[in-house]
Protein backbone atom coordinates (compact mmCIF):
# COMPACT_ATOMS: atom_id res chain seq x y z
CA MET A 1 47.99 22.68 -10.41
CA ILE A 2 48.92 22.17 -6.92
CA LYS A 3 45.88 23.95 -5.53
CA GLN A 4 43.52 22.42 -8.36
CA PHE A 5 45.04 18.49 -7.22
CA CYS A 6 44.74 19.34 -3.33
CA PHE A 7 40.92 20.98 -4.20
CA LEU A 8 40.23 17.77 -5.84
CA ILE A 9 41.78 14.97 -3.64
CA LEU A 10 39.69 17.15 -0.65
CA GLY A 11 36.65 16.73 -3.21
CA LEU A 12 36.99 12.63 -3.25
CA ALA A 13 37.15 12.22 0.00
CA SER A 14 34.18 14.17 0.96
CA LEU A 15 32.23 12.33 -1.55
CA GLY A 16 33.93 9.15 0.14
CA SER A 17 33.05 10.26 3.60
CA GLN A 18 28.87 10.73 2.84
CA ALA A 19 29.00 7.37 0.75
CA GLN A 20 29.35 5.61 3.49
CA GLU A 21 27.72 7.44 6.19
CA ARG A 22 27.63 6.30 9.58
CA TYR A 23 24.71 6.02 12.05
CA SER A 24 24.96 5.76 16.26
CA PHE A 25 21.67 4.48 17.50
CA SER A 26 20.44 4.09 21.34
CA LEU A 27 17.92 1.01 21.47
CA GLU A 28 14.90 3.34 21.34
CA GLU A 29 16.49 5.67 18.84
CA ALA A 30 17.32 2.49 16.50
CA ILE A 31 13.20 2.17 17.16
CA THR A 32 11.62 5.44 16.50
CA PHE A 33 14.30 5.44 13.49
CA ALA A 34 12.74 1.83 12.50
CA LEU A 35 9.26 2.89 13.27
CA ASP A 36 9.17 5.77 10.50
CA SER A 37 11.58 4.38 7.68
CA ASN A 38 11.73 0.58 7.90
CA TYR A 39 10.18 -0.93 4.14
CA THR A 40 7.23 -3.02 5.80
CA ALA A 41 5.91 -0.19 8.11
CA ILE A 42 7.00 2.54 5.16
CA ASN A 43 4.19 -0.40 2.33
CA ALA A 44 1.42 -0.18 6.09
CA ARG A 45 1.38 3.41 5.86
CA ARG A 46 0.92 3.33 2.08
CA ASP A 47 -1.95 1.20 2.66
CA ILE A 48 -4.21 3.24 5.00
CA ALA A 49 -3.73 5.94 2.26
CA LYS A 50 -4.60 3.58 0.30
CA ALA A 51 -7.71 2.79 1.86
CA ILE A 52 -8.53 6.33 2.46
CA LYS A 53 -8.63 6.74 -1.30
CA GLN A 54 -11.08 3.78 -1.45
CA LYS A 55 -13.31 5.31 1.59
CA TRP A 56 -13.44 8.52 -0.83
CA GLU A 57 -13.90 6.37 -4.48
CA THR A 58 -17.07 4.54 -2.59
CA THR A 59 -18.30 7.74 -1.95
CA ALA A 60 -18.03 9.13 -5.15
CA SER A 61 -19.60 6.54 -6.42
CA GLY A 62 -23.54 7.72 -4.84
CA LEU A 63 -22.19 11.10 -5.98
CA PRO A 64 -23.38 13.73 -9.25
CA GLN A 65 -21.35 12.23 -12.05
CA ILE A 66 -21.15 13.78 -15.40
CA ASN A 67 -19.93 12.30 -18.63
CA ALA A 68 -19.70 14.00 -21.89
CA GLU A 69 -19.44 12.19 -25.53
CA ILE A 70 -18.87 13.59 -29.11
CA GLY A 71 -18.99 11.38 -32.21
CA TYR A 72 -18.78 11.63 -35.95
CA GLN A 73 -20.48 9.91 -38.83
CA ASN A 74 -19.78 9.61 -42.16
CA GLN A 75 -21.88 7.16 -44.15
CA LEU A 76 -19.81 6.40 -46.45
CA LYS A 77 -22.53 4.48 -48.38
CA GLN A 78 -26.07 5.52 -47.21
CA PRO A 79 -28.77 2.35 -46.37
CA VAL A 80 -31.37 2.73 -48.79
CA SER A 81 -35.68 2.84 -47.14
CA LEU A 82 -38.45 1.27 -49.90
CA LEU A 83 -41.56 3.42 -49.98
CA PRO A 84 -44.73 2.07 -51.30
CA ALA A 85 -45.45 3.17 -55.15
CA GLY A 86 -48.95 3.52 -54.64
CA ALA A 87 -48.63 7.18 -52.33
CA PHE A 88 -47.58 8.61 -55.30
CA ASP A 89 -50.08 9.82 -58.19
CA ASN A 90 -46.87 9.54 -60.51
CA ARG A 91 -44.51 7.31 -59.33
CA GLN A 92 -41.69 6.78 -62.04
CA SER A 93 -41.74 10.46 -62.16
CA VAL A 94 -40.66 10.76 -58.34
CA VAL A 95 -39.02 7.09 -59.06
CA ASN A 96 -36.20 8.52 -61.60
CA THR A 97 -36.00 12.02 -59.36
CA VAL A 98 -34.84 10.49 -56.24
CA GLU A 99 -32.64 8.00 -58.17
CA GLU A 100 -31.72 10.51 -60.01
CA TYR A 101 -31.05 12.79 -56.20
CA PHE A 102 -29.07 9.79 -54.40
CA ASP A 103 -27.26 8.56 -57.02
CA ILE A 104 -29.38 4.89 -56.58
CA GLU A 105 -28.65 2.40 -59.18
CA SER A 106 -31.74 2.78 -61.90
CA THR A 107 -34.51 0.10 -62.65
CA SER A 108 -34.77 -0.91 -66.54
CA SER A 109 -38.50 -1.12 -65.79
CA PRO A 110 -41.57 0.90 -64.98
CA VAL A 111 -42.29 1.05 -60.85
CA PRO A 112 -46.22 -0.79 -60.58
CA PRO A 113 -48.80 0.74 -58.09
CA ASP A 114 -48.02 -2.10 -55.38
CA GLY A 115 -44.02 -1.99 -56.14
CA PHE A 116 -41.97 0.28 -53.69
CA ILE A 117 -39.57 3.80 -54.54
CA PRO A 118 -36.39 3.69 -53.20
CA VAL A 119 -35.20 6.27 -51.20
CA VAL A 120 -32.26 7.67 -48.95
CA PHE A 121 -32.86 9.61 -45.53
CA GLY A 122 -30.82 11.75 -43.40
CA THR A 123 -27.17 13.50 -44.59
CA GLN A 124 -23.96 11.61 -45.38
CA GLN A 125 -21.85 13.39 -42.29
CA SER A 126 -23.14 14.36 -39.38
CA VAL A 127 -21.43 15.00 -35.47
CA ASN A 128 -23.17 14.92 -31.88
CA ALA A 129 -22.02 16.02 -28.59
CA THR A 130 -23.59 14.86 -25.66
CA ALA A 131 -23.76 15.47 -21.76
CA THR A 132 -24.98 13.28 -19.14
CA LEU A 133 -25.77 14.24 -15.09
CA THR A 134 -26.97 11.14 -13.37
CA GLN A 135 -27.25 11.06 -9.49
CA LEU A 136 -27.50 7.60 -6.96
CA ILE A 137 -31.49 8.68 -4.91
CA PHE A 138 -31.39 5.38 -3.51
CA ASP A 139 -29.29 1.92 -3.40
CA GLY A 140 -28.61 -0.54 -0.58
CA SER A 141 -25.67 -1.01 -1.58
CA TYR A 142 -24.35 1.93 -1.87
CA LEU A 143 -24.99 2.44 1.96
CA VAL A 144 -23.12 -0.59 2.69
CA GLY A 145 -20.06 -0.01 0.96
CA LEU A 146 -19.53 2.74 2.49
CA GLN A 147 -19.38 0.87 5.87
CA ALA A 148 -17.32 -1.50 4.48
CA ALA A 149 -15.08 1.45 3.17
CA ARG A 150 -15.05 2.45 6.75
CA ALA A 151 -14.98 -0.97 7.81
CA PHE A 152 -11.47 -1.90 6.06
CA LEU A 153 -10.01 1.59 6.79
CA ASP A 154 -9.78 0.45 9.99
CA PHE A 155 -8.28 -2.72 9.19
CA SER A 156 -5.21 -1.43 7.25
CA GLU A 157 -5.01 1.11 10.78
CA ASN A 158 -4.74 -2.23 13.20
CA ALA A 159 -2.55 -3.76 10.12
CA ASN A 160 0.16 -0.79 10.83
CA GLU A 161 -0.65 -1.19 14.45
CA LYS A 162 0.75 -4.31 14.18
CA THR A 163 2.99 -3.79 12.25
CA GLN A 164 4.82 -1.33 14.57
CA LEU A 165 4.65 -3.61 17.24
CA GLU A 166 6.60 -6.47 15.21
CA VAL A 167 8.98 -3.93 13.76
CA ARG A 168 9.12 -2.89 17.63
CA LYS A 169 10.39 -6.11 18.73
CA GLY A 170 12.19 -6.79 15.81
CA VAL A 171 14.70 -4.07 16.51
CA ILE A 172 15.29 -5.24 19.82
CA ASN A 173 15.71 -8.23 18.86
CA ALA A 174 18.39 -7.57 15.78
CA TYR A 175 20.14 -4.80 18.36
CA GLY A 176 20.33 -7.66 21.37
CA SER A 177 22.04 -9.90 18.72
CA VAL A 178 24.51 -7.66 18.14
CA LEU A 179 25.40 -6.67 21.74
CA LEU A 180 25.49 -10.44 22.47
CA SER A 181 28.22 -10.93 18.99
CA GLU A 182 30.26 -7.80 19.97
CA GLU A 183 30.28 -9.36 24.05
CA LEU A 184 31.05 -12.56 23.10
CA LEU A 185 33.41 -12.01 20.79
CA LYS A 186 35.51 -10.01 23.26
CA ILE A 187 35.33 -12.54 26.27
CA PHE A 188 37.07 -14.91 23.30
CA SER A 189 39.42 -12.66 22.94
CA ASN A 190 40.15 -12.39 26.67
CA ASN A 191 40.02 -15.68 27.35
CA LYS A 192 42.22 -16.70 24.13
CA MET A 193 45.22 -14.00 25.88
CA ALA A 194 44.54 -16.13 28.94
CA VAL A 195 45.72 -19.28 27.10
CA GLU A 196 47.54 -17.71 24.80
CA LYS A 197 49.76 -16.70 28.04
CA ASN A 198 49.65 -20.15 30.02
CA LEU A 199 50.83 -21.90 27.02
CA PHE A 200 53.67 -20.07 26.45
CA GLU A 201 54.39 -20.54 29.98
CA THR A 202 54.17 -23.70 29.57
CA ARG A 203 55.79 -24.64 26.92
CA LYS A 204 58.86 -23.31 28.46
CA ILE A 205 58.35 -25.20 31.73
CA PHE A 206 57.93 -28.49 29.46
CA GLU A 207 61.26 -27.12 27.16
CA ASN A 208 63.06 -27.54 30.36
CA GLY A 209 61.70 -30.76 31.52
CA LEU A 210 59.53 -29.52 34.73
CA THR A 211 56.06 -30.68 32.47
CA GLU A 212 54.20 -33.17 30.50
CA GLU A 213 54.01 -32.41 27.12
CA GLU A 214 49.86 -33.36 27.76
CA ASP A 215 49.83 -30.33 29.36
CA VAL A 216 50.93 -28.22 26.65
CA GLU A 217 48.99 -30.36 24.03
CA GLN A 218 45.75 -29.74 26.46
CA LEU A 219 46.50 -25.76 26.35
CA GLU A 220 46.82 -25.97 22.16
CA ILE A 221 43.12 -27.38 21.62
CA THR A 222 41.78 -24.91 24.17
CA LEU A 223 43.19 -22.65 22.30
CA LEU A 224 42.20 -23.87 18.90
CA ASP A 225 39.29 -23.91 20.04
CA LEU A 226 38.77 -20.03 21.12
CA GLU A 227 39.83 -19.17 17.49
CA ILE A 228 36.95 -21.07 15.64
CA SER A 229 34.59 -19.42 18.30
CA ILE A 230 36.64 -15.96 17.41
CA GLN A 231 36.02 -17.08 13.67
CA ASN A 232 32.75 -18.10 13.96
CA THR A 233 31.20 -14.59 16.52
CA GLU A 234 33.02 -12.77 13.84
CA ARG A 235 30.84 -13.53 11.00
CA THR A 236 28.13 -14.19 13.35
CA LEU A 237 28.11 -10.21 14.25
CA ALA A 238 28.96 -8.80 10.45
CA ILE A 239 25.23 -11.41 10.26
CA ALA A 240 23.17 -9.83 13.00
CA LYS A 241 24.62 -6.15 11.83
CA GLN A 242 23.56 -6.66 8.37
CA MET A 243 20.02 -7.76 9.64
CA PHE A 244 19.65 -4.90 11.99
CA ASN A 245 20.33 -2.96 8.87
CA VAL A 246 17.56 -4.59 7.24
CA ALA A 247 15.52 -3.96 10.24
CA LEU A 248 16.30 -0.02 10.19
CA GLY A 249 15.27 0.23 6.40
CA ILE A 250 18.66 1.97 5.93
CA ASP A 251 21.88 -0.38 3.49
CA VAL A 252 22.81 -3.67 4.50
CA ALA A 253 26.48 -2.10 4.43
CA ALA A 254 26.27 0.49 5.99
CA ASN A 255 28.46 1.40 9.53
CA THR A 256 26.33 1.47 12.29
CA GLN A 257 26.97 2.14 15.96
CA LEU A 258 25.22 1.13 19.10
CA THR A 259 25.81 3.21 22.43
CA ASP A 260 23.62 0.65 24.90
CA ASN A 261 24.95 -1.84 26.12
CA LEU A 262 23.55 -5.70 27.30
CA ASP A 263 24.22 -4.59 30.60
CA ARG A 264 22.53 -1.44 31.05
CA LEU A 265 19.39 -2.71 28.73
CA THR A 266 18.96 -6.05 30.63
CA GLN A 267 18.96 -3.35 34.03
CA GLU A 268 16.26 -1.47 32.47
CA ASN A 269 14.02 -4.82 31.78
CA ILE A 270 13.66 -6.57 35.17
CA GLU A 271 10.52 -5.07 35.68
CA LEU A 272 8.28 -8.14 38.38
CA SER A 273 5.79 -5.01 38.71
CA PHE A 274 5.21 -5.01 34.62
CA MET A 275 3.66 -8.65 35.26
CA SER A 276 0.74 -7.12 37.40
CA ASN A 277 -0.69 -5.19 33.95
CA ALA A 278 -4.08 -7.17 33.37
CA LEU A 279 -4.66 -8.43 29.60
CA ASN A 280 -7.20 -6.34 27.91
CA ILE A 281 -8.08 -7.76 25.21
CA ASP A 282 -9.84 -5.74 23.12
CA GLN A 283 -6.76 -3.31 23.10
CA ASN A 284 -5.06 -6.47 21.31
CA VAL A 285 -4.38 -6.24 17.66
CA ASP A 286 -4.69 -9.59 16.95
CA TYR A 287 -8.02 -9.80 18.27
CA LYS A 288 -8.80 -5.94 16.61
CA ILE A 289 -7.98 -7.75 13.28
CA ALA A 290 -10.08 -10.89 14.54
CA TYR A 291 -12.78 -8.19 14.85
CA ASN A 292 -12.54 -6.47 11.62
CA LEU A 293 -12.85 -9.66 9.80
CA THR A 294 -15.98 -10.33 11.62
CA GLU A 295 -17.49 -6.81 10.87
CA GLN A 296 -16.52 -7.23 7.37
CA ARG A 297 -18.18 -10.39 7.39
CA SER A 298 -20.94 -8.95 8.71
CA LEU A 299 -21.31 -6.11 5.51
CA GLU A 300 -21.76 -8.62 3.69
CA MET A 301 -24.40 -10.61 4.46
CA LYS A 302 -26.05 -6.67 4.88
CA LEU A 303 -24.83 -6.49 0.94
CA GLU A 304 -27.04 -9.49 -0.14
CA LYS A 305 -29.86 -8.19 1.66
CA SER A 306 -30.01 -4.95 0.21
CA ARG A 307 -29.45 -6.45 -3.23
CA ALA A 308 -33.33 -7.22 -3.12
CA LEU A 309 -34.19 -3.73 -2.72
CA PRO A 310 -34.89 -1.35 -5.95
CA SER A 311 -32.49 1.36 -6.31
CA LEU A 312 -33.70 4.73 -8.05
CA ASN A 313 -31.56 6.45 -10.12
CA ALA A 314 -32.01 9.95 -11.82
CA PHE A 315 -30.28 11.82 -15.20
CA LEU A 316 -30.04 14.99 -16.98
CA ASN A 317 -29.12 14.91 -20.56
CA TYR A 318 -28.06 17.67 -22.58
CA GLY A 319 -26.99 17.36 -26.60
CA THR A 320 -26.63 19.04 -30.00
CA GLN A 321 -26.61 17.40 -33.32
CA ALA A 322 -25.41 18.57 -36.63
CA ASN A 323 -26.25 17.10 -40.02
CA ASN A 324 -24.94 17.27 -43.83
CA ASP A 325 -23.16 15.88 -46.30
CA ASP A 326 -20.47 18.13 -46.77
CA PHE A 327 -17.91 18.41 -43.75
CA THR A 328 -19.05 21.93 -42.67
CA PHE A 329 -19.23 21.50 -39.48
CA LEU A 330 -16.34 24.22 -38.56
CA ASP A 331 -18.57 26.91 -40.39
CA SER A 332 -20.00 29.55 -38.74
CA ASP A 333 -23.20 29.56 -40.24
CA GLN A 334 -23.61 24.71 -39.82
CA ARG A 335 -26.85 24.44 -38.23
CA TRP A 336 -27.10 22.70 -35.15
CA PHE A 337 -29.68 21.27 -32.92
CA GLN A 338 -30.45 20.70 -29.45
CA SER A 339 -32.19 18.52 -27.36
CA SER A 340 -32.50 17.89 -23.49
CA ILE A 341 -33.84 14.71 -21.10
CA LEU A 342 -34.99 14.56 -18.11
CA GLY A 343 -35.61 10.91 -16.62
CA VAL A 344 -35.91 8.68 -13.08
CA ASN A 345 -35.04 4.94 -13.50
CA MET A 346 -35.94 2.52 -10.55
CA SER A 347 -34.52 -1.25 -10.79
CA ILE A 348 -36.89 -2.99 -8.97
CA PRO A 349 -35.52 -6.95 -8.31
CA ILE A 350 -38.60 -9.44 -8.57
CA PHE A 351 -37.47 -13.54 -8.87
CA SER A 352 -33.62 -14.60 -8.49
CA SER A 353 -34.74 -18.72 -8.37
CA GLY A 354 -33.27 -18.35 -5.00
CA MET A 355 -29.65 -17.55 -5.84
CA ARG A 356 -30.42 -13.93 -3.72
CA ASN A 357 -31.23 -16.17 -0.21
CA ALA A 358 -28.43 -18.85 -1.49
CA LYS A 359 -25.99 -15.48 -1.45
CA THR A 360 -27.33 -14.27 1.50
CA GLN A 361 -27.66 -17.78 3.77
CA ARG A 362 -24.06 -18.32 2.06
CA ALA A 363 -23.18 -14.97 4.24
CA LYS A 364 -24.78 -16.01 7.24
CA ILE A 365 -22.42 -18.71 7.30
CA ALA A 366 -19.46 -16.54 6.46
CA LEU A 367 -20.47 -14.43 9.49
CA ASP A 368 -21.00 -17.47 12.41
CA GLN A 369 -17.06 -19.06 10.74
CA ALA A 370 -15.95 -15.26 11.70
CA GLU A 371 -17.53 -14.82 15.29
CA THR A 372 -16.11 -18.26 15.53
CA GLN A 373 -12.66 -17.24 14.84
CA LEU A 374 -13.35 -14.31 16.70
CA GLU A 375 -13.83 -16.11 19.94
CA GLU A 376 -10.74 -18.77 18.63
CA THR A 377 -9.01 -15.94 18.60
CA ALA A 378 -9.46 -14.34 22.35
CA GLN A 379 -8.60 -17.42 23.82
CA ASN A 380 -5.21 -17.59 21.88
CA ILE A 381 -4.35 -14.02 22.99
CA GLN A 382 -4.87 -15.38 26.04
CA LEU A 383 -2.51 -18.37 26.84
CA GLN A 384 0.03 -16.15 24.23
CA TYR A 385 -0.44 -13.85 27.52
CA ASP A 386 -0.45 -16.33 29.86
CA SER A 387 2.62 -18.06 28.04
CA ALA A 388 4.69 -15.00 27.44
CA LYS A 389 4.49 -13.95 31.15
CA SER A 390 6.30 -17.29 32.48
CA ASN A 391 8.85 -16.85 29.49
CA TYR A 392 9.47 -13.60 30.88
CA THR A 393 9.77 -14.70 34.76
CA PHE A 394 11.37 -17.78 33.84
CA SER A 395 14.18 -15.46 32.06
CA ILE A 396 14.89 -13.79 34.91
CA ASP A 397 15.45 -16.40 37.30
CA ARG A 398 17.45 -17.61 34.45
CA TYR A 399 19.36 -14.59 34.39
CA GLN A 400 19.68 -14.19 37.68
CA ASN A 401 21.03 -17.80 37.51
CA ALA A 402 23.48 -17.36 34.86
CA LYS A 403 25.48 -15.08 37.06
CA LYS A 404 25.81 -16.64 40.17
CA ASN A 405 26.98 -19.74 37.65
CA LEU A 406 29.51 -17.35 35.98
CA ASN A 407 30.82 -16.26 39.45
CA LEU A 408 31.05 -19.61 40.39
CA ALA A 409 33.03 -21.21 37.07
CA GLU A 410 35.35 -17.92 37.58
CA ARG A 411 36.11 -19.17 40.79
CA ILE A 412 37.01 -22.67 40.08
CA GLU A 413 38.92 -21.69 37.06
CA ASN A 414 41.30 -19.21 38.87
CA LYS A 415 41.51 -22.10 41.42
CA ASN A 416 42.56 -24.03 38.71
CA GLN A 417 45.12 -21.70 37.63
CA ILE A 418 46.71 -21.46 40.53
CA LYS A 419 46.67 -25.22 41.53
CA PHE A 420 48.07 -25.73 37.77
CA GLY A 421 50.99 -23.02 38.21
CA GLU A 422 51.41 -24.46 41.18
CA GLY A 423 51.55 -28.75 39.83
CA ILE A 424 49.22 -29.60 41.62
CA ALA A 425 46.28 -29.83 39.79
CA THR A 426 46.32 -31.81 35.94
CA SER A 427 46.10 -29.85 32.54
CA PHE A 428 43.06 -32.12 31.78
CA GLU A 429 41.33 -30.19 35.36
CA LEU A 430 42.62 -26.77 34.01
CA ARG A 431 40.54 -27.74 30.76
CA GLN A 432 37.39 -28.65 32.44
CA ALA A 433 37.36 -25.92 34.13
CA GLN A 434 38.33 -23.41 31.36
CA LEU A 435 35.60 -25.00 29.08
CA GLN A 436 32.88 -24.91 32.10
CA LEU A 437 33.81 -20.76 32.57
CA TYR A 438 33.83 -20.58 28.77
CA THR A 439 30.06 -22.25 28.70
CA ALA A 440 29.06 -19.97 31.72
CA GLN A 441 30.50 -16.49 29.62
CA GLN A 442 27.86 -18.11 27.13
CA GLN A 443 24.60 -19.15 29.47
CA TYR A 444 25.15 -15.56 30.71
CA PHE A 445 25.07 -13.00 27.67
CA GLN A 446 22.17 -15.55 26.04
CA SER A 447 20.38 -15.23 29.11
CA MET A 448 20.38 -11.25 29.21
CA LEU A 449 19.55 -11.21 25.01
CA ASP A 450 16.72 -14.07 26.18
CA LEU A 451 15.69 -11.84 28.87
CA ILE A 452 15.44 -8.25 26.90
CA ASN A 453 13.11 -10.37 24.28
CA SER A 454 10.86 -11.80 26.40
CA LYS A 455 9.88 -8.42 27.86
CA ALA A 456 9.59 -7.32 24.26
CA GLU A 457 6.85 -10.19 24.06
CA LEU A 458 4.49 -9.26 26.92
CA GLU A 459 4.92 -6.24 25.72
CA THR A 460 3.74 -6.85 22.01
CA VAL A 461 0.30 -9.27 23.77
CA LEU A 462 -0.08 -6.38 25.64
CA ASN A 463 0.69 -3.60 23.54
CA THR A 464 2.39 -1.58 25.33
CA PRO A 465 3.57 0.60 24.75
CA GLN A 466 0.93 2.25 22.54
CA LEU A 467 2.14 2.80 19.41
CA ARG A 468 -0.87 3.33 16.83
CA ASN A 469 -0.09 6.71 15.17
């Protein structure tokens, strides 16, 4: 019993460890993982798979098609046809025989020479089976459809490339946000410990009557502000980790650990030579998507023009049929009659009251709009590139300036700490120096994240690195 209990405890512990899966990522590992597992990236790859199937669907529509039909009919009440009575010498005898054979309601009066004899043709039950082979020989819209399917596949691939770039940028932002919150939490905690030490010492001095109560109150205000900042940063860190998990495509509550640190990532992303990379507009994914739209509009215009061309189709039909008044179609001696037809159909559009021309002109206008949008996209991409390059340069300068400001703020705060301890500086002056230091610390770490994100934005515009599969 003791052994079984121990095994049960171990089994439950094993299940618990599996349920709470742990992840550990460097930034590059996180990007690689997200490109494979991010929810949007998964659906983008499915869009490519759909486009491939659609391409084959379009291609197959012009290949041989075979369809079969099987039909069974039971005429519960067969239709009656009328034959001229004058065609028969002994018409009354014929009428009586027909009425008796086909169970037709008899007439009491004799049939005049110019009258009609009711007759039922065919059998009551029938079965037929037909197979038809059709083959498209020529259709202008089919040729355009093949080109459109290829263009749609290109669009899906470019959309997937854009998704990958956006996923990469989103992971970098989420990764940096987690690191920023972790760094701020460390700084606030260290600042809180330092203020608590100062507050403890100042209270002792105040209790001995060697300082004013305001000095204690100023430090208490600072401590309360730090406690609020710590609580807020803890909540922000929890949300940032959840956002990071969503960006990676894993459970929002999963336990993730980041192995990179903010300072190392910042140093790796300071690359002034990167700004010398020229913008190749043809490689920008937004431009390629806009060009896909232009292709689509051009094909739509070709499609409308192709509707004025004739279409040619061939078909081969083969069928068999059996008839009987009773259901004997499964008997071996049932007689079946075969038939077969080979034919060609040509459809020639002649006159549409200007409808085809109006559709073609409308497609031409849509093409002109797409070309204008393509030019606008090119200009916007150039503007986006110049803006991203400017922001990247500014983020580097801002980071270097924030680093200098932090060093100065630390020196000023340290001097005021010494002066306050010696009674030279007031508690208000110490608080001002501390607040200045806390602001410089936050600006310093925020400038790191801004630098990393601005580099990612510039890389996205340049499509660097190439992420297209």
